[in-house]
Amino acid sequence: MKSEASLKESKKQKEKKNLPAAVMPVGYVPRLRVLFREKVLAAMMKEFGYKNPMQVPRVERIVLNVGMGEAVQNVKLLESAAGELEQITGQKPVLTRAKKAIAGFKLREGIPIGVKVTLRGTRMHEFMDRLIAVALPRIRDFRGISPKAFDGRGNYTLGLKEQLTFPEIKYDDIASIHGMDITFVTSAKRNDEAKALLAHLGMPFRKS
């Protein structure tokens, strides 16, 4: 029989395996935050002629959004998507609801049709690092992300075709394959500033 100490250690290991990817120890400083402070600030000031470090754009938040029209017929799909987002980000998602009724789709105003998570601070930087270093390279025949998905106001939206891009999600555990939109909201005023900021942080833009 296992000793009491051995059982406790086994329990700890099991609990650790079940933790979401974004659980971080106290005092943890994300690599991208250090990179921004030590290299990106100076590079952006030189590139755009900013006279004050506070003029350099920052990534303010990252929003992950999963829209599921099928959830109107099967609410379990929405529950599964919410669990997957929480596993990927370490943060509990919120429901998104239909803003208007569409009879043809049996859609009523106010019913849940998706889930989203908004990341800021340490969790945001940690997620972005995992996305760049681990998730995106897993995409088959990956040659970089589109440099044209900016909105003119300093924000960039990346569309993923399936949640299996993230290694935390296992095929046997999902209810259905679905995509998601990941929006990087920055304080930049122009597309070129936002693109330079994200590129300096490691975003692998496809070369035209």
N, C-alpha and C. Protein backbone atom coordinates (compact mmCIF):
# COMPACT_ATOMS: atom_id res chain seq x y z
N MET A 1 0.83 -1.21 0.00
CA MET A 1 0.00 0.00 0.00
C MET A 1 0.87 1.25 0.00
N LYS A 2 0.34 2.31 -0.61
CA LYS A 2 1.07 3.57 -0.64
C LYS A 2 1.01 4.23 0.72
N SER A 3 2.10 4.90 1.11
CA SER A 3 2.11 5.63 2.36
C SER A 3 1.24 6.87 2.24
N GLU A 4 0.90 7.46 3.38
CA GLU A 4 0.07 8.67 3.37
C GLU A 4 0.77 9.79 2.62
N ALA A 5 2.08 9.93 2.79
CA ALA A 5 2.84 10.97 2.10
C ALA A 5 2.80 10.75 0.59
N SER A 6 2.91 9.48 0.18
CA SER A 6 2.87 9.15 -1.24
C SER A 6 1.52 9.45 -1.85
N LEU A 7 0.46 9.17 -1.11
CA LEU A 7 -0.90 9.46 -1.58
C LEU A 7 -1.12 10.95 -1.74
N LYS A 8 -0.61 11.73 -0.78
CA LYS A 8 -0.76 13.19 -0.85
C LYS A 8 -0.01 13.74 -2.06
N GLU A 9 1.19 13.21 -2.32
CA GLU A 9 1.99 13.67 -3.46
C GLU A 9 1.28 13.33 -4.76
N SER A 10 0.70 12.12 -4.82
CA SER A 10 -0.02 11.69 -6.02
C SER A 10 -1.22 12.60 -6.28
N LYS A 11 -1.90 12.98 -5.20
CA LYS A 11 -3.06 13.87 -5.31
C LYS A 11 -2.64 15.23 -5.83
N LYS A 12 -1.50 15.74 -5.33
CA LYS A 12 -0.99 17.04 -5.76
C LYS A 12 -0.67 17.03 -7.25
N GLN A 13 -0.03 15.93 -7.70
CA GLN A 13 0.33 15.83 -9.11
C GLN A 13 -0.91 15.79 -9.99
N LYS A 14 -1.94 15.08 -9.54
CA LYS A 14 -3.19 14.98 -10.30
C LYS A 14 -3.86 16.34 -10.39
N GLU A 15 -3.90 17.07 -9.28
CA GLU A 15 -4.51 18.40 -9.27
C GLU A 15 -3.74 19.35 -10.17
N LYS A 16 -2.41 19.23 -10.16
CA LYS A 16 -1.57 20.09 -10.99
C LYS A 16 -1.86 19.88 -12.47
N LYS A 17 -2.06 18.62 -12.88
CA LYS A 17 -2.34 18.30 -14.27
C LYS A 17 -3.67 18.89 -14.73
N ASN A 18 -4.62 19.02 -13.80
CA ASN A 18 -5.94 19.51 -14.15
C ASN A 18 -6.06 21.03 -14.13
N LEU A 19 -4.97 21.70 -13.75
CA LEU A 19 -5.02 23.16 -13.71
C LEU A 19 -5.04 23.72 -15.11
N PRO A 20 -5.76 24.84 -15.33
CA PRO A 20 -5.71 25.48 -16.64
C PRO A 20 -4.32 25.99 -16.92
N ALA A 21 -4.00 26.18 -18.22
CA ALA A 21 -2.65 26.55 -18.63
C ALA A 21 -2.20 27.87 -18.04
N ALA A 22 -3.16 28.77 -17.73
CA ALA A 22 -2.79 30.12 -17.33
C ALA A 22 -2.67 30.30 -15.82
N VAL A 23 -2.67 29.22 -15.04
CA VAL A 23 -2.45 29.35 -13.60
C VAL A 23 -0.98 29.65 -13.36
N MET A 24 -0.71 30.76 -12.67
CA MET A 24 0.67 31.23 -12.53
C MET A 24 1.03 31.43 -11.06
N PRO A 25 2.28 31.19 -10.70
CA PRO A 25 2.71 31.40 -9.32
C PRO A 25 2.72 32.88 -8.94
N VAL A 26 2.62 33.14 -7.66
CA VAL A 26 2.65 34.52 -7.16
C VAL A 26 3.99 35.16 -7.51
N GLY A 27 3.94 36.39 -8.00
CA GLY A 27 5.16 37.10 -8.35
C GLY A 27 5.68 36.82 -9.75
N TYR A 28 4.95 35.99 -10.50
CA TYR A 28 5.37 35.65 -11.86
C TYR A 28 5.31 36.89 -12.76
N VAL A 29 6.38 37.13 -13.52
CA VAL A 29 6.43 38.25 -14.48
C VAL A 29 6.50 37.65 -15.88
N PRO A 30 5.50 37.89 -16.72
CA PRO A 30 5.48 37.30 -18.06
C PRO A 30 6.68 37.75 -18.90
N ARG A 31 7.14 36.85 -19.73
CA ARG A 31 8.30 37.12 -20.59
C ARG A 31 8.04 38.31 -21.50
N LEU A 32 6.82 38.42 -22.05
CA LEU A 32 6.53 39.51 -22.98
C LEU A 32 6.51 40.87 -22.29
N ARG A 33 6.16 40.89 -21.01
CA ARG A 33 6.20 42.17 -20.29
C ARG A 33 7.64 42.63 -20.14
N VAL A 34 8.54 41.69 -19.84
CA VAL A 34 9.97 42.01 -19.73
C VAL A 34 10.51 42.44 -21.10
N LEU A 35 10.11 41.71 -22.15
CA LEU A 35 10.56 42.05 -23.51
C LEU A 35 10.12 43.46 -23.89
N PHE A 36 8.89 43.81 -23.57
CA PHE A 36 8.39 45.15 -23.90
C PHE A 36 9.22 46.22 -23.19
N ARG A 37 9.46 46.01 -21.91
CA ARG A 37 10.18 47.01 -21.13
C ARG A 37 11.64 47.14 -21.56
N GLU A 38 12.29 46.01 -21.87
CA GLU A 38 13.73 46.04 -22.12
C GLU A 38 14.11 46.28 -23.58
N LYS A 39 13.22 45.92 -24.53
CA LYS A 39 13.59 46.05 -25.93
C LYS A 39 12.57 46.77 -26.80
N VAL A 40 11.30 46.44 -26.62
CA VAL A 40 10.27 46.98 -27.52
C VAL A 40 10.12 48.49 -27.35
N LEU A 41 10.15 49.00 -26.13
CA LEU A 41 10.03 50.44 -25.89
C LEU A 41 11.05 51.22 -26.71
N ALA A 42 12.32 50.82 -26.58
CA ALA A 42 13.39 51.53 -27.27
C ALA A 42 13.24 51.41 -28.79
N ALA A 43 12.89 50.21 -29.27
CA ALA A 43 12.75 49.99 -30.71
C ALA A 43 11.61 50.82 -31.29
N MET A 44 10.49 50.90 -30.58
CA MET A 44 9.35 51.68 -31.06
C MET A 44 9.64 53.18 -31.03
N MET A 45 10.35 53.65 -30.00
CA MET A 45 10.70 55.07 -29.91
C MET A 45 11.61 55.47 -31.07
N LYS A 46 12.53 54.60 -31.41
CA LYS A 46 13.44 54.88 -32.52
C LYS A 46 12.70 54.84 -33.86
N GLU A 47 11.82 53.86 -34.03
CA GLU A 47 11.12 53.66 -35.30
C GLU A 47 10.14 54.77 -35.61
N PHE A 48 9.43 55.27 -34.58
CA PHE A 48 8.38 56.26 -34.82
C PHE A 48 8.71 57.65 -34.28
N GLY A 49 9.88 57.80 -33.69
CA GLY A 49 10.30 59.11 -33.21
C GLY A 49 9.55 59.62 -32.00
N TYR A 50 9.05 58.72 -31.17
CA TYR A 50 8.38 59.15 -29.94
C TYR A 50 9.41 59.81 -29.02
N LYS A 51 9.02 60.88 -28.38
CA LYS A 51 9.93 61.59 -27.50
C LYS A 51 9.78 61.15 -26.04
N ASN A 52 8.68 60.47 -25.74
CA ASN A 52 8.41 60.04 -24.37
C ASN A 52 7.97 58.58 -24.40
N PRO A 53 8.52 57.74 -23.48
CA PRO A 53 8.12 56.33 -23.46
C PRO A 53 6.61 56.12 -23.31
N MET A 54 5.93 57.08 -22.69
CA MET A 54 4.48 56.94 -22.50
C MET A 54 3.72 57.08 -23.82
N GLN A 55 4.38 57.59 -24.86
CA GLN A 55 3.73 57.69 -26.17
C GLN A 55 3.71 56.36 -26.91
N VAL A 56 4.55 55.42 -26.48
CA VAL A 56 4.63 54.13 -27.15
C VAL A 56 3.34 53.34 -26.91
N PRO A 57 2.72 52.84 -27.97
CA PRO A 57 1.48 52.07 -27.80
C PRO A 57 1.69 50.81 -26.96
N ARG A 58 0.64 50.39 -26.28
CA ARG A 58 0.65 49.16 -25.50
C ARG A 58 -0.49 48.25 -25.94
N VAL A 59 -0.35 46.96 -25.66
CA VAL A 59 -1.49 46.06 -25.80
C VAL A 59 -2.31 46.21 -24.52
N GLU A 60 -3.55 46.65 -24.65
CA GLU A 60 -4.38 46.93 -23.48
C GLU A 60 -5.17 45.72 -23.02
N ARG A 61 -5.66 44.94 -23.97
CA ARG A 61 -6.42 43.73 -23.61
C ARG A 61 -6.52 42.82 -24.82
N ILE A 62 -6.80 41.56 -24.55
CA ILE A 62 -7.03 40.57 -25.61
C ILE A 62 -8.40 39.94 -25.35
N VAL A 63 -9.23 39.92 -26.38
CA VAL A 63 -10.58 39.37 -26.26
C VAL A 63 -10.70 38.12 -27.11
N LEU A 64 -11.06 37.00 -26.50
CA LEU A 64 -11.32 35.76 -27.22
C LEU A 64 -12.83 35.58 -27.30
N ASN A 65 -13.33 35.38 -28.50
CA ASN A 65 -14.78 35.28 -28.69
C ASN A 65 -15.14 34.04 -29.52
N VAL A 66 -16.06 33.25 -29.00
CA VAL A 66 -16.57 32.08 -29.71
C VAL A 66 -18.06 32.30 -29.95
N GLY A 67 -18.46 32.36 -31.21
CA GLY A 67 -19.87 32.48 -31.55
C GLY A 67 -20.41 31.13 -31.97
N MET A 68 -21.54 30.71 -31.40
CA MET A 68 -22.08 29.38 -31.69
C MET A 68 -23.58 29.46 -31.94
N GLY A 69 -23.96 29.66 -33.19
CA GLY A 69 -25.37 29.69 -33.53
C GLY A 69 -26.05 28.36 -33.26
N GLU A 70 -25.25 27.25 -33.31
CA GLU A 70 -25.82 25.92 -33.07
C GLU A 70 -26.28 25.76 -31.63
N ALA A 71 -25.79 26.63 -30.75
CA ALA A 71 -26.16 26.52 -29.34
C ALA A 71 -27.64 26.78 -29.11
N VAL A 72 -28.30 27.42 -30.09
CA VAL A 72 -29.75 27.64 -29.98
C VAL A 72 -30.47 26.30 -29.87
N GLN A 73 -29.94 25.29 -30.59
CA GLN A 73 -30.55 23.97 -30.58
C GLN A 73 -29.93 23.04 -29.54
N ASN A 74 -28.67 23.30 -29.18
CA ASN A 74 -27.95 22.41 -28.27
C ASN A 74 -27.11 23.22 -27.30
N VAL A 75 -27.64 23.48 -26.12
CA VAL A 75 -26.95 24.33 -25.15
C VAL A 75 -25.66 23.69 -24.64
N LYS A 76 -25.53 22.37 -24.76
CA LYS A 76 -24.32 21.69 -24.29
C LYS A 76 -23.09 22.12 -25.09
N LEU A 77 -23.31 22.50 -26.34
CA LEU A 77 -22.19 22.99 -27.15
C LEU A 77 -21.61 24.26 -26.55
N LEU A 78 -22.47 25.11 -26.05
CA LEU A 78 -22.05 26.37 -25.43
C LEU A 78 -21.32 26.11 -24.12
N GLU A 79 -21.82 25.16 -23.35
CA GLU A 79 -21.17 24.79 -22.09
C GLU A 79 -19.77 24.23 -22.35
N SER A 80 -19.67 23.42 -23.40
CA SER A 80 -18.37 22.85 -23.75
C SER A 80 -17.40 23.94 -24.19
N ALA A 81 -17.87 24.88 -25.01
CA ALA A 81 -17.01 25.98 -25.49
C ALA A 81 -16.54 26.84 -24.32
N ALA A 82 -17.43 27.07 -23.35
CA ALA A 82 -17.07 27.88 -22.18
C ALA A 82 -15.98 27.18 -21.37
N GLY A 83 -16.12 25.87 -21.21
CA GLY A 83 -15.10 25.12 -20.48
C GLY A 83 -13.76 25.14 -21.18
N GLU A 84 -13.78 25.07 -22.50
CA GLU A 84 -12.54 25.09 -23.27
C GLU A 84 -11.85 26.45 -23.17
N LEU A 85 -12.63 27.53 -23.26
CA LEU A 85 -12.04 28.87 -23.14
C LEU A 85 -11.42 29.06 -21.76
N GLU A 86 -12.09 28.55 -20.74
CA GLU A 86 -11.55 28.67 -19.39
C GLU A 86 -10.25 27.87 -19.26
N GLN A 87 -10.20 26.71 -19.89
CA GLN A 87 -9.00 25.90 -19.86
C GLN A 87 -7.84 26.58 -20.59
N ILE A 88 -8.14 27.24 -21.69
CA ILE A 88 -7.12 27.92 -22.49
C ILE A 88 -6.59 29.17 -21.80
N THR A 89 -7.48 29.91 -21.15
CA THR A 89 -7.10 31.22 -20.61
C THR A 89 -6.94 31.27 -19.10
N GLY A 90 -7.51 30.29 -18.39
CA GLY A 90 -7.47 30.33 -16.94
C GLY A 90 -8.45 31.32 -16.35
N GLN A 91 -9.38 31.78 -17.16
CA GLN A 91 -10.35 32.79 -16.71
C GLN A 91 -11.76 32.37 -17.14
N LYS A 92 -12.73 32.59 -16.26
CA LYS A 92 -14.11 32.17 -16.55
C LYS A 92 -14.73 33.05 -17.63
N PRO A 93 -15.27 32.45 -18.69
CA PRO A 93 -15.89 33.23 -19.78
C PRO A 93 -17.24 33.82 -19.36
N VAL A 94 -17.70 34.78 -20.13
CA VAL A 94 -19.04 35.33 -19.96
C VAL A 94 -19.84 35.00 -21.22
N LEU A 95 -21.16 34.89 -21.07
CA LEU A 95 -22.02 34.59 -22.20
C LEU A 95 -22.22 35.83 -23.07
N THR A 96 -22.30 35.62 -24.37
CA THR A 96 -22.73 36.69 -25.27
C THR A 96 -24.13 36.32 -25.75
N ARG A 97 -24.99 37.33 -25.87
CA ARG A 97 -26.39 37.08 -26.19
C ARG A 97 -26.81 37.76 -27.50
N ALA A 98 -27.81 37.19 -28.13
CA ALA A 98 -28.32 37.75 -29.38
C ALA A 98 -28.88 39.14 -29.15
N LYS A 99 -28.49 40.10 -30.01
CA LYS A 99 -28.95 41.48 -29.85
C LYS A 99 -30.31 41.71 -30.51
N LYS A 100 -30.67 40.81 -31.43
CA LYS A 100 -31.98 40.94 -32.06
C LYS A 100 -32.48 39.57 -32.48
N ALA A 101 -33.78 39.47 -32.68
CA ALA A 101 -34.40 38.21 -33.06
C ALA A 101 -34.31 38.00 -34.57
N ILE A 102 -34.03 36.75 -34.98
CA ILE A 102 -34.02 36.38 -36.40
C ILE A 102 -34.87 35.12 -36.54
N ALA A 103 -36.07 35.29 -37.03
CA ALA A 103 -37.03 34.18 -37.08
C ALA A 103 -36.52 33.01 -37.90
N GLY A 104 -35.85 33.29 -39.02
CA GLY A 104 -35.37 32.23 -39.89
C GLY A 104 -34.38 31.29 -39.22
N PHE A 105 -33.67 31.79 -38.21
CA PHE A 105 -32.70 30.99 -37.48
C PHE A 105 -33.22 30.58 -36.10
N LYS A 106 -34.52 30.82 -35.88
CA LYS A 106 -35.14 30.53 -34.58
C LYS A 106 -34.39 31.21 -33.44
N LEU A 107 -33.95 32.42 -33.73
CA LEU A 107 -33.15 33.18 -32.78
C LEU A 107 -34.00 34.24 -32.11
N ARG A 108 -34.01 34.21 -30.78
CA ARG A 108 -34.77 35.19 -30.02
C ARG A 108 -33.80 36.17 -29.36
N GLU A 109 -34.21 37.40 -29.25
CA GLU A 109 -33.37 38.42 -28.63
C GLU A 109 -33.04 38.03 -27.18
N GLY A 110 -31.75 38.12 -26.86
CA GLY A 110 -31.33 37.88 -25.48
C GLY A 110 -30.89 36.47 -25.17
N ILE A 111 -31.07 35.51 -26.09
CA ILE A 111 -30.65 34.15 -25.77
C ILE A 111 -29.15 34.00 -26.00
N PRO A 112 -28.47 33.14 -25.21
CA PRO A 112 -27.01 32.96 -25.35
C PRO A 112 -26.63 32.34 -26.69
N ILE A 113 -25.68 32.95 -27.36
CA ILE A 113 -25.22 32.41 -28.66
C ILE A 113 -23.69 32.33 -28.73
N GLY A 114 -23.02 32.59 -27.62
CA GLY A 114 -21.56 32.51 -27.63
C GLY A 114 -20.97 32.78 -26.27
N VAL A 115 -19.65 32.71 -26.20
CA VAL A 115 -18.92 33.00 -24.97
C VAL A 115 -17.68 33.81 -25.31
N LYS A 116 -17.25 34.62 -24.37
CA LYS A 116 -16.02 35.40 -24.59
C LYS A 116 -15.26 35.60 -23.30
N VAL A 117 -13.97 35.87 -23.45
CA VAL A 117 -13.09 36.14 -22.32
C VAL A 117 -12.28 37.39 -22.65
N THR A 118 -12.14 38.29 -21.70
CA THR A 118 -11.30 39.48 -21.87
C THR A 118 -10.12 39.39 -20.92
N LEU A 119 -8.92 39.37 -21.48
CA LEU A 119 -7.69 39.23 -20.69
C LEU A 119 -6.96 40.54 -20.58
N ARG A 120 -6.44 40.82 -19.41
CA ARG A 120 -5.63 42.02 -19.18
C ARG A 120 -4.42 41.65 -18.32
N GLY A 121 -3.45 42.54 -18.30
CA GLY A 121 -2.31 42.39 -17.39
C GLY A 121 -1.50 41.13 -17.59
N THR A 122 -1.13 40.50 -16.48
CA THR A 122 -0.26 39.32 -16.49
C THR A 122 -0.86 38.19 -17.30
N ARG A 123 -2.14 37.91 -17.10
CA ARG A 123 -2.79 36.81 -17.82
C ARG A 123 -2.80 37.06 -19.33
N MET A 124 -2.96 38.32 -19.71
CA MET A 124 -2.95 38.69 -21.13
C MET A 124 -1.59 38.41 -21.75
N HIS A 125 -0.52 38.86 -21.09
CA HIS A 125 0.82 38.66 -21.63
C HIS A 125 1.18 37.18 -21.69
N GLU A 126 0.77 36.42 -20.68
CA GLU A 126 1.07 35.01 -20.64
C GLU A 126 0.36 34.27 -21.76
N PHE A 127 -0.91 34.64 -22.01
CA PHE A 127 -1.66 34.00 -23.09
C PHE A 127 -1.03 34.33 -24.44
N MET A 128 -0.68 35.57 -24.66
CA MET A 128 -0.09 35.99 -25.93
C MET A 128 1.21 35.24 -26.20
N ASP A 129 2.00 35.04 -25.17
CA ASP A 129 3.26 34.31 -25.31
C ASP A 129 3.00 32.87 -25.73
N ARG A 130 2.02 32.21 -25.10
CA ARG A 130 1.70 30.83 -25.46
C ARG A 130 1.12 30.73 -26.86
N LEU A 131 0.32 31.74 -27.24
CA LEU A 131 -0.26 31.75 -28.58
C LEU A 131 0.84 31.80 -29.64
N ILE A 132 1.81 32.70 -29.44
CA ILE A 132 2.88 32.90 -30.41
C ILE A 132 3.85 31.72 -30.45
N ALA A 133 4.24 31.25 -29.26
CA ALA A 133 5.31 30.25 -29.19
C ALA A 133 4.84 28.82 -29.34
N VAL A 134 3.58 28.55 -28.97
CA VAL A 134 3.11 27.16 -28.94
C VAL A 134 1.93 26.90 -29.88
N ALA A 135 0.88 27.71 -29.78
CA ALA A 135 -0.36 27.41 -30.50
C ALA A 135 -0.24 27.63 -32.01
N LEU A 136 0.17 28.83 -32.44
CA LEU A 136 0.21 29.12 -33.87
C LEU A 136 1.12 28.18 -34.66
N PRO A 137 2.30 27.82 -34.14
CA PRO A 137 3.15 26.90 -34.89
C PRO A 137 2.54 25.51 -35.09
N ARG A 138 1.48 25.18 -34.33
CA ARG A 138 0.82 23.88 -34.47
C ARG A 138 -0.11 23.83 -35.68
N ILE A 139 -0.42 24.98 -36.26
CA ILE A 139 -1.31 25.02 -37.42
C ILE A 139 -0.60 24.39 -38.63
N ARG A 140 -1.30 23.51 -39.30
CA ARG A 140 -0.69 22.81 -40.45
C ARG A 140 -0.32 23.80 -41.56
N ASP A 141 0.87 23.65 -42.09
CA ASP A 141 1.39 24.50 -43.17
C ASP A 141 1.35 25.99 -42.80
N PHE A 142 1.63 26.27 -41.55
CA PHE A 142 1.57 27.66 -41.08
C PHE A 142 2.69 28.49 -41.69
N ARG A 143 2.31 29.62 -42.31
CA ARG A 143 3.29 30.52 -42.92
C ARG A 143 3.17 31.94 -42.38
N GLY A 144 2.52 32.09 -41.27
CA GLY A 144 2.35 33.41 -40.69
C GLY A 144 0.90 33.85 -40.73
N ILE A 145 0.59 34.91 -39.99
CA ILE A 145 -0.77 35.44 -39.93
C ILE A 145 -0.92 36.63 -40.87
N SER A 146 -2.13 36.90 -41.27
CA SER A 146 -2.39 37.98 -42.23
C SER A 146 -2.02 39.35 -41.63
N PRO A 147 -1.33 40.19 -42.41
CA PRO A 147 -1.00 41.54 -41.92
C PRO A 147 -2.11 42.55 -42.23
N LYS A 148 -3.25 42.07 -42.75
CA LYS A 148 -4.29 42.97 -43.23
C LYS A 148 -5.54 43.02 -42.34
N ALA A 149 -5.50 42.38 -41.18
CA ALA A 149 -6.70 42.29 -40.35
C ALA A 149 -6.76 43.37 -39.27
N PHE A 150 -6.25 44.56 -39.58
CA PHE A 150 -6.33 45.69 -38.65
C PHE A 150 -7.58 46.50 -38.97
N ASP A 151 -8.12 47.17 -37.95
CA ASP A 151 -9.40 47.88 -38.14
C ASP A 151 -9.24 49.38 -38.37
N GLY A 152 -8.00 49.88 -38.47
CA GLY A 152 -7.78 51.30 -38.67
C GLY A 152 -7.71 52.09 -37.38
N ARG A 153 -7.99 51.43 -36.25
CA ARG A 153 -7.96 52.11 -34.94
C ARG A 153 -6.99 51.42 -33.98
N GLY A 154 -6.02 50.70 -34.55
CA GLY A 154 -4.99 50.09 -33.71
C GLY A 154 -5.33 48.73 -33.16
N ASN A 155 -6.39 48.09 -33.66
CA ASN A 155 -6.79 46.79 -33.15
C ASN A 155 -6.63 45.73 -34.24
N TYR A 156 -6.28 44.52 -33.83
CA TYR A 156 -6.04 43.43 -34.78
C TYR A 156 -6.84 42.20 -34.37
N THR A 157 -7.53 41.58 -35.33
CA THR A 157 -8.32 40.38 -35.04
C THR A 157 -7.79 39.19 -35.82
N LEU A 158 -7.49 38.15 -35.07
CA LEU A 158 -6.98 36.90 -35.64
C LEU A 158 -8.07 35.84 -35.55
N GLY A 159 -8.39 35.21 -36.65
CA GLY A 159 -9.39 34.15 -36.64
C GLY A 159 -8.73 32.78 -36.66
N LEU A 160 -9.13 31.91 -35.73
CA LEU A 160 -8.65 30.53 -35.72
C LEU A 160 -9.80 29.61 -36.13
N LYS A 161 -9.50 28.60 -36.93
CA LYS A 161 -10.54 27.72 -37.44
C LYS A 161 -11.00 26.67 -36.44
N GLU A 162 -10.12 26.33 -35.49
CA GLU A 162 -10.52 25.32 -34.51
C GLU A 162 -9.78 25.50 -33.20
N GLN A 163 -10.45 25.11 -32.12
CA GLN A 163 -9.88 25.25 -30.78
C GLN A 163 -8.74 24.28 -30.52
N LEU A 164 -8.60 23.26 -31.37
CA LEU A 164 -7.54 22.27 -31.20
C LEU A 164 -6.16 22.84 -31.49
N THR A 165 -6.11 24.07 -31.97
CA THR A 165 -4.83 24.76 -32.14
C THR A 165 -4.10 24.86 -30.81
N PHE A 166 -4.86 24.94 -29.72
CA PHE A 166 -4.26 25.03 -28.39
C PHE A 166 -4.02 23.63 -27.83
N PRO A 167 -2.80 23.33 -27.39
CA PRO A 167 -2.48 21.97 -26.92
C PRO A 167 -3.25 21.56 -25.67
N GLU A 168 -3.83 22.54 -24.96
CA GLU A 168 -4.61 22.19 -23.76
C GLU A 168 -5.90 21.44 -24.11
N ILE A 169 -6.36 21.60 -25.34
CA ILE A 169 -7.63 20.99 -25.76
C ILE A 169 -7.37 19.67 -26.47
N LYS A 170 -7.98 18.61 -25.98
CA LYS A 170 -7.82 17.28 -26.55
C LYS A 170 -9.05 16.92 -27.38
N TYR A 171 -8.80 16.30 -28.53
CA TYR A 171 -9.87 15.98 -29.48
C TYR A 171 -10.97 15.13 -28.84
N ASP A 172 -10.59 14.16 -28.01
CA ASP A 172 -11.57 13.25 -27.42
C ASP A 172 -12.47 13.92 -26.38
N ASP A 173 -12.09 15.12 -25.94
CA ASP A 173 -12.83 15.78 -24.87
C ASP A 173 -13.80 16.85 -25.37
N ILE A 174 -13.81 17.14 -26.67
CA ILE A 174 -14.63 18.25 -27.15
C ILE A 174 -15.97 17.77 -27.68
N ALA A 175 -16.97 18.65 -27.60
CA ALA A 175 -18.32 18.33 -28.09
C ALA A 175 -18.43 18.60 -29.59
N SER A 176 -17.68 19.59 -30.09
CA SER A 176 -17.69 19.91 -31.52
C SER A 176 -16.46 20.77 -31.82
N ILE A 177 -16.06 20.77 -33.08
CA ILE A 177 -14.95 21.63 -33.51
C ILE A 177 -15.53 22.99 -33.89
N HIS A 178 -14.94 24.04 -33.37
CA HIS A 178 -15.41 25.39 -33.67
C HIS A 178 -14.23 26.35 -33.71
N GLY A 179 -14.42 27.46 -34.36
CA GLY A 179 -13.38 28.48 -34.44
C GLY A 179 -13.53 29.53 -33.35
N MET A 180 -12.69 30.53 -33.42
CA MET A 180 -12.78 31.66 -32.48
C MET A 180 -12.06 32.86 -33.07
N ASP A 181 -12.46 34.03 -32.61
CA ASP A 181 -11.77 35.27 -32.98
C ASP A 181 -10.98 35.76 -31.78
N ILE A 182 -9.75 36.18 -32.02
CA ILE A 182 -8.89 36.72 -30.95
C ILE A 182 -8.53 38.14 -31.35
N THR A 183 -9.00 39.11 -30.58
CA THR A 183 -8.79 40.52 -30.89
C THR A 183 -7.77 41.14 -29.94
N PHE A 184 -6.75 41.75 -30.51
CA PHE A 184 -5.73 42.46 -29.73
C PHE A 184 -6.08 43.94 -29.76
N VAL A 185 -6.46 44.47 -28.62
CA VAL A 185 -6.83 45.88 -28.51
C VAL A 185 -5.61 46.65 -28.01
N THR A 186 -5.11 47.58 -28.83
CA THR A 186 -3.93 48.36 -28.44
C THR A 186 -4.29 49.84 -28.30
N SER A 187 -3.36 50.59 -27.75
CA SER A 187 -3.57 52.03 -27.61
C SER A 187 -3.04 52.79 -28.83
N ALA A 188 -2.61 52.06 -29.86
CA ALA A 188 -2.10 52.70 -31.08
C ALA A 188 -3.23 53.42 -31.81
N LYS A 189 -2.88 54.47 -32.53
CA LYS A 189 -3.87 55.26 -33.27
C LYS A 189 -3.91 54.86 -34.75
N ARG A 190 -2.85 54.18 -35.20
CA ARG A 190 -2.77 53.82 -36.62
C ARG A 190 -2.41 52.35 -36.77
N ASN A 191 -2.73 51.82 -37.95
CA ASN A 191 -2.43 50.41 -38.22
C ASN A 191 -0.93 50.12 -38.19
N ASP A 192 -0.12 51.02 -38.75
CA ASP A 192 1.31 50.75 -38.82
C ASP A 192 1.94 50.71 -37.43
N GLU A 193 1.46 51.55 -36.51
CA GLU A 193 1.95 51.53 -35.14
C GLU A 193 1.57 50.22 -34.45
N ALA A 194 0.32 49.82 -34.63
CA ALA A 194 -0.15 48.59 -33.99
C ALA A 194 0.58 47.38 -34.54
N LYS A 195 0.78 47.35 -35.85
CA LYS A 195 1.48 46.22 -36.45
C LYS A 195 2.92 46.14 -35.95
N ALA A 196 3.60 47.27 -35.87
CA ALA A 196 4.99 47.29 -35.39
C ALA A 196 5.06 46.80 -33.95
N LEU A 197 4.11 47.25 -33.12
CA LEU A 197 4.09 46.83 -31.72
C LEU A 197 3.94 45.31 -31.62
N LEU A 198 2.95 44.75 -32.31
CA LEU A 198 2.71 43.31 -32.24
C LEU A 198 3.88 42.52 -32.83
N ALA A 199 4.47 43.05 -33.91
CA ALA A 199 5.61 42.36 -34.53
C ALA A 199 6.81 42.33 -33.59
N HIS A 200 7.08 43.44 -32.92
CA HIS A 200 8.18 43.47 -31.96
C HIS A 200 7.96 42.51 -30.81
N LEU A 201 6.70 42.25 -30.48
CA LEU A 201 6.37 41.32 -29.40
C LEU A 201 6.40 39.87 -29.89
N GLY A 202 6.61 39.67 -31.20
CA GLY A 202 6.77 38.33 -31.71
C GLY A 202 5.66 37.79 -32.59
N MET A 203 4.63 38.59 -32.86
CA MET A 203 3.54 38.12 -33.71
C MET A 203 4.09 37.80 -35.11
N PRO A 204 3.87 36.58 -35.60
CA PRO A 204 4.49 36.15 -36.87
C PRO A 204 3.68 36.56 -38.10
N PHE A 205 3.77 37.82 -38.48
CA PHE A 205 3.02 38.29 -39.64
C PHE A 205 3.60 37.68 -40.92
N ARG A 206 2.71 37.32 -41.81
CA ARG A 206 3.11 36.77 -43.09
C ARG A 206 3.70 37.86 -43.97
N LYS A 207 4.81 37.58 -44.60
CA LYS A 207 5.44 38.56 -45.47
C LYS A 207 4.75 38.55 -46.83
N SER A 208 4.42 39.74 -47.31
CA SER A 208 3.72 39.84 -48.60
C SER A 208 4.69 39.63 -49.75
